[in-house]
C-alpha cells in the first residue's frame, strides 16, 4: 500500500513538474526573434498583411518578427515551410486559402491538418480586372468576347489550382463555359500577375480589388466585377456577379498559424497577441486604407473553418474540373 501511494505521489509530482516547465516556457515566450513566413511574393496582398502583423507583433512581444517570403510551387514552398518548421513558436506564418486547395490538384500532400491554427485575420473576394485601355468597358463586353473567342484570353493571379484560378474556373462554370475557355497562366502571386498584365503578357487578372487597388486608382486597371455578395465600399462602382445574374462568389483569406505540435500555451500567447494587433487602430487603418477585408476568428473557430473550407473547395474544384 505504501509503495502504491509513493508511485501515485511521484506521478502527481511528475505531472506538476511538467506543467510547471510548460508554464515557465510559455511565460518566457518569446525571448528571441520570430520568423514569419509569407508563402507569396513581395508586393502582393499576403505580403502586405504579413508585414503589418509582423510589425505590430514586434511591439507586442518586444522581439524582432522577421517576414520571409518563401515563394514557389503555387504556394507549396511557403506552406510547407510553416508546416515543417520546429514547433516551438519561433517560426509562424500566414497560411492562405490555398492550403485547402493545393492537395486537391496534386501539388503537395500538405493540408490544413499539418498546421496549428492561431487566428483568421482577413478575407477578400476575387475580382475580374482588365487594363483600363482594353476594349472591354463592362463585364458584359468581356463575357461576349470570351464566348466569341474561346481560348484566346490569358488570365493569372496565383499558381495552378490557386484561389484566383478557382475564382476563374467557378465563374466560367457558372456562365456555362469550360474552365479551359480562358488560358490560366500560373504566377507567384497577384503582384507579378499584375506586372504581367501591364506588360501585355496576359489580358486579365482575377486577383482581389485590394491587390489591384494601386493600379485601379492610377487609372491603369479597370475592375469589371467582383465575386462577392456585396459591393466593396472602396470600389462602389464595381458590380457583383450576383447583380449581373451570375450565382458565384469566391474569396481569398489569410490567417496566422504555427507548425503542428506547437504547445497550446504558445498558441494561446500568440492568439492573445494577434487579437490585440487585430483590434489596434494601426491595423484597422492599414487594412481599410488598402481596401483589405477585416475578419476575425480565434484558434478554435479558424480550425473549424479550415475543415469546412477544405471540403467545400474540393467539391467546387472537382465540379470545375481542376482536381487531379
Foldseek 3Di string as FASTA:
>chain_A
DVVVVVVVVVVVVVVVVVVVVVVVLLVPPPPEEAEAEQAFDPLFPSNLLSVLLQVLLCVVRVYHYHYDHQYDLQSPRRVVCQLPDDQALRYKYKDKLCLLWCVQLPSDPRHPVSWQFFKWWFKFWWFKKFWLPDPDPAPVSVVVVLVVQFQPFEEEFTAQRDQQLLVQLLQQVQVPHASRSYHYDHDRGRVVRVVCRLVVVGGIYRHGCLRCVVCVVVSTMDTRETQDPDDQPVCNVHHHVVVVVGPGITMMTIGMIGGPPRDPSSSVVVNVSSVCSSPDPSNVVSCVVSSIGTDIDGRVRVVVVRVVSSVVSSVSCVVSPSGD
